[in-house]
Amino acid sequence: MTHWLLLLLTIVLTAVANILLKYAAVHRQAGEANGAMAVLWDIFTTPSLLLGVSCLGIAVIAYAIALRNINLSVAYPVMTTSVVVLVSLFSAIYFGEPVTLLKTVGTVFVISGVVLLSQ
């Protein structure tokens, strides 16, 4: 049971990380950074980017522990599909990204495939 909770933690942290990275990319202040090093410093001192990278790091650790007792052939499709669904949902809510019929149908097919794979 603990391993499934760790997989759930991985899913949530990975989705949150992606939202934070998108936020950092969209809302980063265009500073007066000149040169590659200044631009890199400007990017890597963005709080939402640092938090997103931290979430990814914690997610990797949780996922590695979860894989001790969950088959990779089940864990990976469940994790990636769940992240796709969460990121799509929150991207529509927070960034106004479109939710089209084609995306919705594709997501249903992917979820159906994961259900079949996990049997």
PDB file of N, CA and C in Angstrom:
ATOM      1  N   MET A   1       0.825  -1.203   0.000  1.00  0.00           N
ATOM      2  CA  MET A   1       0.000   0.000   0.000  1.00  0.00           C
ATOM      3  C   MET A   1       0.864   1.260   0.000  1.00  0.00           C
ATOM      4  N   THR A   2       1.920   1.256   0.787  1.00  0.00           N
ATOM      5  CA  THR A   2       2.805   2.410   0.863  1.00  0.00           C
ATOM      6  C   THR A   2       3.402   2.742  -0.501  1.00  0.00           C
ATOM      7  N   HIS A   3       3.696   1.706  -1.274  1.00  0.00           N
ATOM      8  CA  HIS A   3       4.306   1.941  -2.580  1.00  0.00           C
ATOM      9  C   HIS A   3       3.332   2.630  -3.543  1.00  0.00           C
ATOM     10  N   TRP A   4       2.047   2.303  -3.420  1.00  0.00           N
ATOM     11  CA  TRP A   4       1.061   2.980  -4.252  1.00  0.00           C
ATOM     12  C   TRP A   4       0.897   4.437  -3.836  1.00  0.00           C
ATOM     13  N   LEU A   5       1.015   4.697  -2.540  1.00  0.00           N
ATOM     14  CA  LEU A   5       0.973   6.092  -2.073  1.00  0.00           C
ATOM     15  C   LEU A   5       2.188   6.867  -2.583  1.00  0.00           C
ATOM     16  N   LEU A   6       3.346   6.201  -2.629  1.00  0.00           N
ATOM     17  CA  LEU A   6       4.535   6.848  -3.183  1.00  0.00           C
ATOM     18  C   LEU A   6       4.371   7.111  -4.681  1.00  0.00           C
ATOM     19  N   LEU A   7       3.707   6.192  -5.386  1.00  0.00           N
ATOM     20  CA  LEU A   7       3.441   6.424  -6.811  1.00  0.00           C
ATOM     21  C   LEU A   7       2.488   7.610  -6.966  1.00  0.00           C
ATOM     22  N   LEU A   8       1.491   7.699  -6.101  1.00  0.00           N
ATOM     23  CA  LEU A   8       0.573   8.841  -6.131  1.00  0.00           C
ATOM     24  C   LEU A   8       1.325  10.140  -5.854  1.00  0.00           C
ATOM     25  N   LEU A   9       2.229  10.110  -4.887  1.00  0.00           N
ATOM     26  CA  LEU A   9       3.058  11.288  -4.595  1.00  0.00           C
ATOM     27  C   LEU A   9       3.889  11.668  -5.825  1.00  0.00           C
ATOM     28  N   THR A  10       4.449  10.671  -6.489  1.00  0.00           N
ATOM     29  CA  THR A  10       5.216  10.906  -7.721  1.00  0.00           C
ATOM     30  C   THR A  10       4.361  11.595  -8.774  1.00  0.00           C
ATOM     31  N   ILE A  11       3.151  11.118  -8.941  1.00  0.00           N
ATOM     32  CA  ILE A  11       2.231  11.675  -9.940  1.00  0.00           C
ATOM     33  C   ILE A  11       1.925  13.141  -9.623  1.00  0.00           C
ATOM     34  N   VAL A  12       1.565  13.417  -8.388  1.00  0.00           N
ATOM     35  CA  VAL A  12       1.201  14.783  -7.998  1.00  0.00           C
ATOM     36  C   VAL A  12       2.398  15.717  -8.127  1.00  0.00           C
ATOM     37  N   LEU A  13       3.558  15.291  -7.618  1.00  0.00           N
ATOM     38  CA  LEU A  13       4.743  16.150  -7.677  1.00  0.00           C
ATOM     39  C   LEU A  13       5.190  16.409  -9.114  1.00  0.00           C
ATOM     40  N   THR A  14       5.098  15.396  -9.966  1.00  0.00           N
ATOM     41  CA  THR A  14       5.492  15.573 -11.365  1.00  0.00           C
ATOM     42  C   THR A  14       4.552  16.543 -12.075  1.00  0.00           C
ATOM     43  N   ALA A  15       3.264  16.417 -11.813  1.00  0.00           N
ATOM     44  CA  ALA A  15       2.296  17.343 -12.427  1.00  0.00           C
ATOM     45  C   ALA A  15       2.518  18.767 -11.914  1.00  0.00           C
ATOM     46  N   VAL A  16       2.691  18.912 -10.614  1.00  0.00           N
ATOM     47  CA  VAL A  16       2.937  20.233 -10.026  1.00  0.00           C
ATOM     48  C   VAL A  16       4.220  20.832 -10.594  1.00  0.00           C
ATOM     49  N   ALA A  17       5.247  20.013 -10.717  1.00  0.00           N
ATOM     50  CA  ALA A  17       6.520  20.492 -11.265  1.00  0.00           C
ATOM     51  C   ALA A  17       6.347  21.042 -12.674  1.00  0.00           C
ATOM     52  N   ASN A  18       5.594  20.341 -13.495  1.00  0.00           N
ATOM     53  CA  ASN A  18       5.378  20.804 -14.867  1.00  0.00           C
ATOM     54  C   ASN A  18       4.619  22.120 -14.911  1.00  0.00           C
ATOM     55  N   ILE A  19       3.637  22.265 -14.049  1.00  0.00           N
ATOM     56  CA  ILE A  19       2.885  23.523 -13.986  1.00  0.00           C
ATOM     57  C   ILE A  19       3.806  24.658 -13.529  1.00  0.00           C
ATOM     58  N   LEU A  20       4.636  24.387 -12.526  1.00  0.00           N
ATOM     59  CA  LEU A  20       5.571  25.412 -12.039  1.00  0.00           C
ATOM     60  C   LEU A  20       6.605  25.795 -13.100  1.00  0.00           C
ATOM     61  N   LEU A  21       7.094  24.817 -13.844  1.00  0.00           N
ATOM     62  CA  LEU A  21       8.070  25.110 -14.898  1.00  0.00           C
ATOM     63  C   LEU A  21       7.438  25.954 -16.002  1.00  0.00           C
ATOM     64  N   LYS A  22       6.197  25.638 -16.350  1.00  0.00           N
ATOM     65  CA  LYS A  22       5.488  26.445 -17.353  1.00  0.00           C
ATOM     66  C   LYS A  22       5.276  27.864 -16.822  1.00  0.00           C
ATOM     67  N   TYR A  23       4.877  27.965 -15.555  1.00  0.00           N
ATOM     68  CA  TYR A  23       4.684  29.272 -14.945  1.00  0.00           C
ATOM     69  C   TYR A  23       5.984  30.081 -14.980  1.00  0.00           C
ATOM     70  N   ALA A  24       7.087  29.420 -14.643  1.00  0.00           N
ATOM     71  CA  ALA A  24       8.389  30.100 -14.652  1.00  0.00           C
ATOM     72  C   ALA A  24       8.736  30.579 -16.052  1.00  0.00           C
ATOM     73  N   ALA A  25       8.440  29.749 -17.038  1.00  0.00           N
ATOM     74  CA  ALA A  25       8.770  30.110 -18.420  1.00  0.00           C
ATOM     75  C   ALA A  25       7.932  31.279 -18.918  1.00  0.00           C
ATOM     76  N   VAL A  26       6.677  31.310 -18.519  1.00  0.00           N
ATOM     77  CA  VAL A  26       5.758  32.343 -19.005  1.00  0.00           C
ATOM     78  C   VAL A  26       5.900  33.646 -18.226  1.00  0.00           C
ATOM     79  N   HIS A  27       6.124  33.558 -16.911  1.00  0.00           N
ATOM     80  CA  HIS A  27       6.104  34.740 -16.060  1.00  0.00           C
ATOM     81  C   HIS A  27       7.475  35.256 -15.650  1.00  0.00           C
ATOM     82  N   ARG A  28       8.511  34.661 -16.160  1.00  0.00           N
ATOM     83  CA  ARG A  28       9.855  35.123 -15.801  1.00  0.00           C
ATOM     84  C   ARG A  28      10.038  36.548 -16.279  1.00  0.00           C
ATOM     85  N   GLN A  29      10.522  37.385 -15.408  1.00  0.00           N
ATOM     86  CA  GLN A  29      10.746  38.774 -15.774  1.00  0.00           C
ATOM     87  C   GLN A  29      11.909  38.854 -16.755  1.00  0.00           C
ATOM     88  N   ALA A  30      11.704  39.547 -17.814  1.00  0.00           N
ATOM     89  CA  ALA A  30      12.786  39.754 -18.771  1.00  0.00           C
ATOM     90  C   ALA A  30      13.723  40.799 -18.171  1.00  0.00           C
ATOM     91  N   GLY A  31      14.730  40.310 -17.502  1.00  0.00           N
ATOM     92  CA  GLY A  31      15.675  41.209 -16.848  1.00  0.00           C
ATOM     93  C   GLY A  31      16.611  41.839 -17.866  1.00  0.00           C
ATOM     94  N   GLU A  32      17.558  42.537 -17.345  1.00  0.00           N
ATOM     95  CA  GLU A  32      18.521  43.175 -18.217  1.00  0.00           C
ATOM     96  C   GLU A  32      19.777  42.325 -18.312  1.00  0.00           C
ATOM     97  N   ALA A  33      19.580  41.008 -18.301  1.00  0.00           N
ATOM     98  CA  ALA A  33      20.713  40.092 -18.346  1.00  0.00           C
ATOM     99  C   ALA A  33      21.353  40.125 -19.731  1.00  0.00           C
ATOM    100  N   ASN A  34      22.666  40.306 -19.729  1.00  0.00           N
ATOM    101  CA  ASN A  34      23.421  40.278 -20.969  1.00  0.00           C
ATOM    102  C   ASN A  34      24.413  39.131 -20.887  1.00  0.00           C
ATOM    103  N   GLY A  35      24.473  38.359 -21.940  1.00  0.00           N
ATOM    104  CA  GLY A  35      25.399  37.242 -21.969  1.00  0.00           C
ATOM    105  C   GLY A  35      24.763  35.969 -21.440  1.00  0.00           C
ATOM    106  N   ALA A  36      25.328  34.847 -21.845  1.00  0.00           N
ATOM    107  CA  ALA A  36      24.773  33.539 -21.510  1.00  0.00           C
ATOM    108  C   ALA A  36      24.746  33.286 -20.010  1.00  0.00           C
ATOM    109  N   MET A  37      25.807  33.598 -19.305  1.00  0.00           N
ATOM    110  CA  MET A  37      25.865  33.340 -17.871  1.00  0.00           C
ATOM    111  C   MET A  37      24.839  34.183 -17.105  1.00  0.00           C
ATOM    112  N   ALA A  38      24.656  35.412 -17.506  1.00  0.00           N
ATOM    113  CA  ALA A  38      23.682  36.283 -16.841  1.00  0.00           C
ATOM    114  C   ALA A  38      22.265  35.774 -17.077  1.00  0.00           C
ATOM    115  N   VAL A  39      21.992  35.329 -18.286  1.00  0.00           N
ATOM    116  CA  VAL A  39      20.665  34.790 -18.598  1.00  0.00           C
ATOM    117  C   VAL A  39      20.423  33.512 -17.794  1.00  0.00           C
ATOM    118  N   LEU A  40      21.421  32.629 -17.733  1.00  0.00           N
ATOM    119  CA  LEU A  40      21.285  31.400 -16.943  1.00  0.00           C
ATOM    120  C   LEU A  40      21.056  31.713 -15.469  1.00  0.00           C
ATOM    121  N   TRP A  41      21.801  32.664 -14.927  1.00  0.00           N
ATOM    122  CA  TRP A  41      21.620  33.058 -13.542  1.00  0.00           C
ATOM    123  C   TRP A  41      20.204  33.583 -13.315  1.00  0.00           C
ATOM    124  N   ASP A  42      19.715  34.384 -14.243  1.00  0.00           N
ATOM    125  CA  ASP A  42      18.374  34.949 -14.153  1.00  0.00           C
ATOM    126  C   ASP A  42      17.323  33.838 -14.150  1.00  0.00           C
ATOM    127  N   ILE A  43      17.515  32.849 -15.007  1.00  0.00           N
ATOM    128  CA  ILE A  43      16.562  31.741 -15.096  1.00  0.00           C
ATOM    129  C   ILE A  43      16.594  30.895 -13.826  1.00  0.00           C
ATOM    130  N   PHE A  44      17.790  30.531 -13.385  1.00  0.00           N
ATOM    131  CA  PHE A  44      17.917  29.603 -12.266  1.00  0.00           C
ATOM    132  C   PHE A  44      17.678  30.236 -10.900  1.00  0.00           C
ATOM    133  N   THR A  45      17.451  31.522 -10.855  1.00  0.00           N
ATOM    134  CA  THR A  45      17.075  32.154  -9.586  1.00  0.00           C
ATOM    135  C   THR A  45      15.586  32.497  -9.567  1.00  0.00           C
ATOM    136  N   THR A  46      14.841  31.951 -10.507  1.00  0.00           N
ATOM    137  CA  THR A  46      13.391  32.125 -10.539  1.00  0.00           C
ATOM    138  C   THR A  46      12.772  31.143  -9.539  1.00  0.00           C
ATOM    139  N   PRO A  47      12.060  31.631  -8.519  1.00  0.00           N
ATOM    140  CA  PRO A  47      11.544  30.747  -7.464  1.00  0.00           C
ATOM    141  C   PRO A  47      10.670  29.592  -7.967  1.00  0.00           C
ATOM    142  N   SER A  48       9.762  29.875  -8.903  1.00  0.00           N
ATOM    143  CA  SER A  48       8.879  28.803  -9.371  1.00  0.00           C
ATOM    144  C   SER A  48       9.660  27.729 -10.127  1.00  0.00           C
ATOM    145  N   LEU A  49      10.724  28.114 -10.814  1.00  0.00           N
ATOM    146  CA  LEU A  49      11.555  27.124 -11.498  1.00  0.00           C
ATOM    147  C   LEU A  49      12.300  26.268 -10.481  1.00  0.00           C
ATOM    148  N   LEU A  50      12.854  26.886  -9.462  1.00  0.00           N
ATOM    149  CA  LEU A  50      13.570  26.140  -8.429  1.00  0.00           C
ATOM    150  C   LEU A  50      12.629  25.187  -7.693  1.00  0.00           C
ATOM    151  N   LEU A  51      11.421  25.635  -7.402  1.00  0.00           N
ATOM    152  CA  LEU A  51      10.451  24.777  -6.734  1.00  0.00           C
ATOM    153  C   LEU A  51      10.041  23.617  -7.644  1.00  0.00           C
ATOM    154  N   GLY A  52       9.857  23.905  -8.926  1.00  0.00           N
ATOM    155  CA  GLY A  52       9.508  22.853  -9.881  1.00  0.00           C
ATOM    156  C   GLY A  52      10.589  21.801  -9.990  1.00  0.00           C
ATOM    157  N   VAL A  53      11.837  22.221 -10.065  1.00  0.00           N
ATOM    158  CA  VAL A  53      12.955  21.281 -10.131  1.00  0.00           C
ATOM    159  C   VAL A  53      13.041  20.469  -8.834  1.00  0.00           C
ATOM    160  N   SER A  54      12.786  21.105  -7.708  1.00  0.00           N
ATOM    161  CA  SER A  54      12.783  20.392  -6.423  1.00  0.00           C
ATOM    162  C   SER A  54      11.679  19.332  -6.390  1.00  0.00           C
ATOM    163  N   CYS A  55      10.513  19.680  -6.893  1.00  0.00           N
ATOM    164  CA  CYS A  55       9.412  18.705  -6.967  1.00  0.00           C
ATOM    165  C   CYS A  55       9.800  17.510  -7.815  1.00  0.00           C
ATOM    166  N   LEU A  56      10.466  17.772  -8.932  1.00  0.00           N
ATOM    167  CA  LEU A  56      10.908  16.664  -9.792  1.00  0.00           C
ATOM    168  C   LEU A  56      11.918  15.776  -9.076  1.00  0.00           C
ATOM    169  N   GLY A  57      12.826  16.390  -8.331  1.00  0.00           N
ATOM    170  CA  GLY A  57      13.817  15.610  -7.597  1.00  0.00           C
ATOM    171  C   GLY A  57      13.173  14.702  -6.562  1.00  0.00           C
ATOM    172  N   ILE A  58      12.232  15.233  -5.806  1.00  0.00           N
ATOM    173  CA  ILE A  58      11.529  14.433  -4.808  1.00  0.00           C
ATOM    174  C   ILE A  58      10.705  13.346  -5.485  1.00  0.00           C
ATOM    175  N   ALA A  59      10.096  13.681  -6.624  1.00  0.00           N
ATOM    176  CA  ALA A  59       9.295  12.702  -7.365  1.00  0.00           C
ATOM    177  C   ALA A  59      10.142  11.521  -7.826  1.00  0.00           C
ATOM    178  N   VAL A  60      11.353  11.782  -8.272  1.00  0.00           N
ATOM    179  CA  VAL A  60      12.240  10.708  -8.729  1.00  0.00           C
ATOM    180  C   VAL A  60      12.558   9.759  -7.574  1.00  0.00           C
ATOM    181  N   ILE A  61      12.830  10.321  -6.416  1.00  0.00           N
ATOM    182  CA  ILE A  61      13.137   9.490  -5.248  1.00  0.00           C
ATOM    183  C   ILE A  61      11.915   8.654  -4.847  1.00  0.00           C
ATOM    184  N   ALA A  62      10.744   9.269  -4.788  1.00  0.00           N
ATOM    185  CA  ALA A  62       9.518   8.544  -4.439  1.00  0.00           C
ATOM    186  C   ALA A  62       9.227   7.442  -5.446  1.00  0.00           C
ATOM    187  N   TYR A  63       9.441   7.744  -6.726  1.00  0.00           N
ATOM    188  CA  TYR A  63       9.191   6.764  -7.793  1.00  0.00           C
ATOM    189  C   TYR A  63      10.147   5.576  -7.678  1.00  0.00           C
ATOM    190  N   ALA A  64      11.399   5.847  -7.405  1.00  0.00           N
ATOM    191  CA  ALA A  64      12.387   4.768  -7.267  1.00  0.00           C
ATOM    192  C   ALA A  64      12.008   3.839  -6.113  1.00  0.00           C
ATOM    193  N   ILE A  65      11.534   4.400  -5.025  1.00  0.00           N
ATOM    194  CA  ILE A  65      11.126   3.566  -3.891  1.00  0.00           C
ATOM    195  C   ILE A  65       9.852   2.795  -4.237  1.00  0.00           C
ATOM    196  N   ALA A  66       8.910   3.451  -4.911  1.00  0.00           N
ATOM    197  CA  ALA A  66       7.657   2.787  -5.300  1.00  0.00           C
ATOM    198  C   ALA A  66       7.922   1.594  -6.210  1.00  0.00           C
ATOM    199  N   LEU A  67       8.936   1.708  -7.058  1.00  0.00           N
ATOM    200  CA  LEU A  67       9.232   0.634  -8.008  1.00  0.00           C
ATOM    201  C   LEU A  67       9.761  -0.632  -7.341  1.00  0.00           C
ATOM    202  N   ARG A  68      10.095  -0.554  -6.071  1.00  0.00           N
ATOM    203  CA  ARG A  68      10.539  -1.753  -5.357  1.00  0.00           C
ATOM    204  C   ARG A  68       9.449  -2.819  -5.342  1.00  0.00           C
ATOM    205  N   ASN A  69       8.194  -2.387  -5.252  1.00  0.00           N
ATOM    206  CA  ASN A  69       7.087  -3.348  -5.130  1.00  0.00           C
ATOM    207  C   ASN A  69       6.008  -3.218  -6.192  1.00  0.00           C
ATOM    208  N   ILE A  70       6.207  -2.342  -7.156  1.00  0.00           N
ATOM    209  CA  ILE A  70       5.234  -2.208  -8.243  1.00  0.00           C
ATOM    210  C   ILE A  70       5.963  -2.517  -9.544  1.00  0.00           C
ATOM    211  N   ASN A  71       5.354  -3.345 -10.375  1.00  0.00           N
ATOM    212  CA  ASN A  71       5.966  -3.660 -11.671  1.00  0.00           C
ATOM    213  C   ASN A  71       6.119  -2.395 -12.501  1.00  0.00           C
ATOM    214  N   LEU A  72       7.268  -2.259 -13.123  1.00  0.00           N
ATOM    215  CA  LEU A  72       7.529  -1.097 -13.978  1.00  0.00           C
ATOM    216  C   LEU A  72       6.520  -1.020 -15.115  1.00  0.00           C
ATOM    217  N   SER A  73       6.127  -2.178 -15.639  1.00  0.00           N
ATOM    218  CA  SER A  73       5.174  -2.209 -16.756  1.00  0.00           C
ATOM    219  C   SER A  73       3.795  -1.704 -16.349  1.00  0.00           C
ATOM    220  N   VAL A  74       3.545  -1.612 -15.056  1.00  0.00           N
ATOM    221  CA  VAL A  74       2.295  -1.035 -14.549  1.00  0.00           C
ATOM    222  C   VAL A  74       2.534   0.392 -14.068  1.00  0.00           C
ATOM    223  N   ALA A  75       3.582   0.588 -13.277  1.00  0.00           N
ATOM    224  CA  ALA A  75       3.835   1.890 -12.655  1.00  0.00           C
ATOM    225  C   ALA A  75       4.051   2.992 -13.683  1.00  0.00           C
ATOM    226  N   TYR A  76       4.868   2.723 -14.691  1.00  0.00           N
ATOM    227  CA  TYR A  76       5.194   3.783 -15.655  1.00  0.00           C
ATOM    228  C   TYR A  76       3.969   4.254 -16.441  1.00  0.00           C
ATOM    229  N   PRO A  77       3.180   3.342 -17.030  1.00  0.00           N
ATOM    230  CA  PRO A  77       1.989   3.836 -17.748  1.00  0.00           C
ATOM    231  C   PRO A  77       0.989   4.548 -16.831  1.00  0.00           C
ATOM    232  N   VAL A  78       0.810   4.036 -15.619  1.00  0.00           N
ATOM    233  CA  VAL A  78      -0.108   4.685 -14.684  1.00  0.00           C
ATOM    234  C   VAL A  78       0.392   6.091 -14.351  1.00  0.00           C
ATOM    235  N   MET A  79       1.700   6.194 -14.073  1.00  0.00           N
ATOM    236  CA  MET A  79       2.277   7.487 -13.708  1.00  0.00           C
ATOM    237  C   MET A  79       2.184   8.481 -14.864  1.00  0.00           C
ATOM    238  N   THR A  80       2.642   8.081 -16.034  1.00  0.00           N
ATOM    239  CA  THR A  80       2.676   9.028 -17.151  1.00  0.00           C
ATOM    240  C   THR A  80       1.276   9.451 -17.590  1.00  0.00           C
ATOM    241  N   THR A  81       0.361   8.506 -17.627  1.00  0.00           N
ATOM    242  CA  THR A  81      -1.001   8.851 -18.035  1.00  0.00           C
ATOM    243  C   THR A  81      -1.662   9.773 -17.017  1.00  0.00           C
ATOM    244  N   SER A  82      -1.471   9.481 -15.756  1.00  0.00           N
ATOM    245  CA  SER A  82      -2.051  10.329 -14.719  1.00  0.00           C
ATOM    246  C   SER A  82      -1.483  11.742 -14.784  1.00  0.00           C
ATOM    247  N   VAL A  83      -0.181  11.844 -15.031  1.00  0.00           N
ATOM    248  CA  VAL A  83       0.445  13.159 -15.151  1.00  0.00           C
ATOM    249  C   VAL A  83      -0.114  13.904 -16.366  1.00  0.00           C
ATOM    250  N   VAL A  84      -0.286  13.202 -17.469  1.00  0.00           N
ATOM    251  CA  VAL A  84      -0.849  13.839 -18.676  1.00  0.00           C
ATOM    252  C   VAL A  84      -2.238  14.392 -18.380  1.00  0.00           C
ATOM    253  N   VAL A  85      -3.059  13.617 -17.696  1.00  0.00           N
ATOM    254  CA  VAL A  85      -4.419  14.067 -17.384  1.00  0.00           C
ATOM    255  C   VAL A  85      -4.377  15.290 -16.457  1.00  0.00           C
ATOM    256  N   LEU A  86      -3.581  15.217 -15.392  1.00  0.00           N
ATOM    257  CA  LEU A  86      -3.508  16.336 -14.450  1.00  0.00           C
ATOM    258  C   LEU A  86      -2.941  17.597 -15.102  1.00  0.00           C
ATOM    259  N   VAL A  87      -1.873  17.438 -15.864  1.00  0.00           N
ATOM    260  CA  VAL A  87      -1.262  18.607 -16.511  1.00  0.00           C
ATOM    261  C   VAL A  87      -2.219  19.214 -17.529  1.00  0.00           C
ATOM    262  N   SER A  88      -2.916  18.388 -18.275  1.00  0.00           N
ATOM    263  CA  SER A  88      -3.889  18.908 -19.250  1.00  0.00           C
ATOM    264  C   SER A  88      -4.991  19.694 -18.549  1.00  0.00           C
ATOM    265  N   LEU A  89      -5.482  19.139 -17.454  1.00  0.00           N
ATOM    266  CA  LEU A  89      -6.549  19.795 -16.703  1.00  0.00           C
ATOM    267  C   LEU A  89      -6.080  21.134 -16.132  1.00  0.00           C
ATOM    268  N   PHE A  90      -4.941  21.124 -15.446  1.00  0.00           N
ATOM    269  CA  PHE A  90      -4.466  22.361 -14.817  1.00  0.00           C
ATOM    270  C   PHE A  90      -3.928  23.372 -15.830  1.00  0.00           C
ATOM    271  N   SER A  91      -3.463  22.890 -16.979  1.00  0.00           N
ATOM    272  CA  SER A  91      -3.038  23.813 -18.032  1.00  0.00           C
ATOM    273  C   SER A  91      -4.231  24.582 -18.581  1.00  0.00           C
ATOM    274  N   ALA A  92      -5.350  23.898 -18.680  1.00  0.00           N
ATOM    275  CA  ALA A  92      -6.572  24.569 -19.139  1.00  0.00           C
ATOM    276  C   ALA A  92      -7.049  25.583 -18.101  1.00  0.00           C
ATOM    277  N   ILE A  93      -6.975  25.206 -16.828  1.00  0.00           N
ATOM    278  CA  ILE A  93      -7.461  26.083 -15.760  1.00  0.00           C
ATOM    279  C   ILE A  93      -6.545  27.290 -15.570  1.00  0.00           C
ATOM    280  N   TYR A  94      -5.243  27.053 -15.441  1.00  0.00           N
ATOM    281  CA  TYR A  94      -4.313  28.125 -15.071  1.00  0.00           C
ATOM    282  C   TYR A  94      -3.738  28.902 -16.255  1.00  0.00           C
ATOM    283  N   PHE A  95      -3.608  28.254 -17.399  1.00  0.00           N
ATOM    284  CA  PHE A  95      -2.966  28.920 -18.535  1.00  0.00           C
ATOM    285  C   PHE A  95      -3.913  29.133 -19.708  1.00  0.00           C
ATOM    286  N   GLY A  96      -5.158  28.718 -19.546  1.00  0.00           N
ATOM    287  CA  GLY A  96      -6.136  28.919 -20.605  1.00  0.00           C
ATOM    288  C   GLY A  96      -5.874  28.099 -21.855  1.00  0.00           C
ATOM    289  N   GLU A  97      -5.139  26.981 -21.706  1.00  0.00           N
ATOM    290  CA  GLU A  97      -4.870  26.136 -22.871  1.00  0.00           C
ATOM    291  C   GLU A  97      -6.156  25.436 -23.287  1.00  0.00           C
ATOM    292  N   PRO A  98      -6.366  25.274 -24.588  1.00  0.00           N
ATOM    293  CA  PRO A  98      -7.636  24.721 -25.062  1.00  0.00           C
ATOM    294  C   PRO A  98      -7.794  23.233 -24.748  1.00  0.00           C
ATOM    295  N   VAL A  99      -9.022  22.861 -24.423  1.00  0.00           N
ATOM    296  CA  VAL A  99      -9.390  21.453 -24.262  1.00  0.00           C
ATOM    297  C   VAL A  99     -10.278  21.118 -25.450  1.00  0.00           C
ATOM    298  N   THR A 100      -9.706  20.444 -26.419  1.00  0.00           N
ATOM    299  CA  THR A 100     -10.442  20.131 -27.640  1.00  0.00           C
ATOM    300  C   THR A 100     -11.044  18.729 -27.553  1.00  0.00           C
ATOM    301  N   LEU A 101     -11.973  18.472 -28.433  1.00  0.00           N
ATOM    302  CA  LEU A 101     -12.577  17.145 -28.509  1.00  0.00           C
ATOM    303  C   LEU A 101     -11.513  16.104 -28.842  1.00  0.00           C
ATOM    304  N   LEU A 102     -10.610  16.443 -29.737  1.00  0.00           N
ATOM    305  CA  LEU A 102      -9.553  15.513 -30.132  1.00  0.00           C
ATOM    306  C   LEU A 102      -8.650  15.165 -28.942  1.00  0.00           C
ATOM    307  N   LYS A 103      -8.272  16.168 -28.146  1.00  0.00           N
ATOM    308  CA  LYS A 103      -7.450  15.912 -26.953  1.00  0.00           C
ATOM    309  C   LYS A 103      -8.202  15.039 -25.960  1.00  0.00           C
ATOM    310  N   THR A 104      -9.477  15.316 -25.779  1.00  0.00           N
ATOM    311  CA  THR A 104     -10.288  14.557 -24.832  1.00  0.00           C
ATOM    312  C   THR A 104     -10.408  13.101 -25.264  1.00  0.00           C
ATOM    313  N   VAL A 105     -10.700  12.873 -26.531  1.00  0.00           N
ATOM    314  CA  VAL A 105     -10.819  11.507 -27.054  1.00  0.00           C
ATOM    315  C   VAL A 105      -9.467  10.787 -26.950  1.00  0.00           C
ATOM    316  N   GLY A 106      -8.391  11.477 -27.289  1.00  0.00           N
ATOM    317  CA  GLY A 106      -7.062  10.884 -27.177  1.00  0.00           C
ATOM    318  C   GLY A 106      -6.736  10.495 -25.755  1.00  0.00           C
ATOM    319  N   THR A 107      -7.083  11.339 -24.801  1.00  0.00           N
ATOM    320  CA  THR A 107      -6.837  11.050 -23.390  1.00  0.00           C
ATOM    321  C   THR A 107      -7.640   9.833 -22.942  1.00  0.00           C
ATOM    322  N   VAL A 108      -8.873   9.724 -23.379  1.00  0.00           N
ATOM    323  CA  VAL A 108      -9.703   8.559 -23.044  1.00  0.00           C
ATOM    324  C   VAL A 108      -9.074   7.286 -23.611  1.00  0.00           C
ATOM    325  N   PHE A 109      -8.554   7.348 -24.833  1.00  0.00           N
ATOM    326  CA  PHE A 109      -7.891   6.184 -25.422  1.00  0.00           C
ATOM    327  C   PHE A 109      -6.645   5.797 -24.634  1.00  0.00           C
ATOM    328  N   VAL A 110      -5.871   6.779 -24.232  1.00  0.00           N
ATOM    329  CA  VAL A 110      -4.652   6.497 -23.467  1.00  0.00           C
ATOM    330  C   VAL A 110      -5.010   5.857 -22.126  1.00  0.00           C
ATOM    331  N   ILE A 111      -6.002   6.406 -21.440  1.00  0.00           N
ATOM    332  CA  ILE A 111      -6.432   5.840 -20.163  1.00  0.00           C
ATOM    333  C   ILE A 111      -6.937   4.410 -20.357  1.00  0.00           C
ATOM    334  N   SER A 112      -7.696   4.189 -21.413  1.00  0.00           N
ATOM    335  CA  SER A 112      -8.186   2.835 -21.708  1.00  0.00           C
ATOM    336  C   SER A 112      -7.035   1.871 -21.939  1.00  0.00           C
ATOM    337  N   GLY A 113      -6.038   2.329 -22.648  1.00  0.00           N
ATOM    338  CA  GLY A 113      -4.866   1.494 -22.897  1.00  0.00           C
ATOM    339  C   GLY A 113      -4.131   1.145 -21.616  1.00  0.00           C
ATOM    340  N   VAL A 114      -4.008   2.093 -20.717  1.00  0.00           N
ATOM    341  CA  VAL A 114      -3.323   1.853 -19.442  1.00  0.00           C
ATOM    342  C   VAL A 114      -4.130   0.837 -18.612  1.00  0.00           C
ATOM    343  N   VAL A 115      -5.430   0.963 -18.616  1.00  0.00           N
ATOM    344  CA  VAL A 115      -6.267   0.008 -17.890  1.00  0.00           C
ATOM    345  C   VAL A 115      -6.056  -1.394 -18.450  1.00  0.00           C
ATOM    346  N   LEU A 116      -6.000  -1.513 -19.769  1.00  0.00           N
ATOM    347  CA  LEU A 116      -5.774  -2.820 -20.391  1.00  0.00           C
ATOM    348  C   LEU A 116      -4.378  -3.374 -20.066  1.00  0.00           C
ATOM    349  N   LEU A 117      -3.376  -2.507 -20.073  1.00  0.00           N
ATOM    350  CA  LEU A 117      -2.004  -2.935 -19.764  1.00  0.00           C
ATOM    351  C   LEU A 117      -1.850  -3.401 -18.327  1.00  0.00           C
ATOM    352  N   SER A 118      -2.612  -2.841 -17.424  1.00  0.00           N
ATOM    353  CA  SER A 118      -2.440  -3.165 -16.024  1.00  0.00           C
ATOM    354  C   SER A 118      -3.183  -4.439 -15.608  1.00  0.00           C
ATOM    355  N   GLN A 119      -3.855  -5.060 -16.537  1.00  0.00           N
ATOM    356  CA  GLN A 119      -4.598  -6.305 -16.232  1.00  0.00           C
ATOM    357  C   GLN A 119      -3.681  -7.507 -16.211  1.00  0.00           C
TER     358      GLN A 119
END
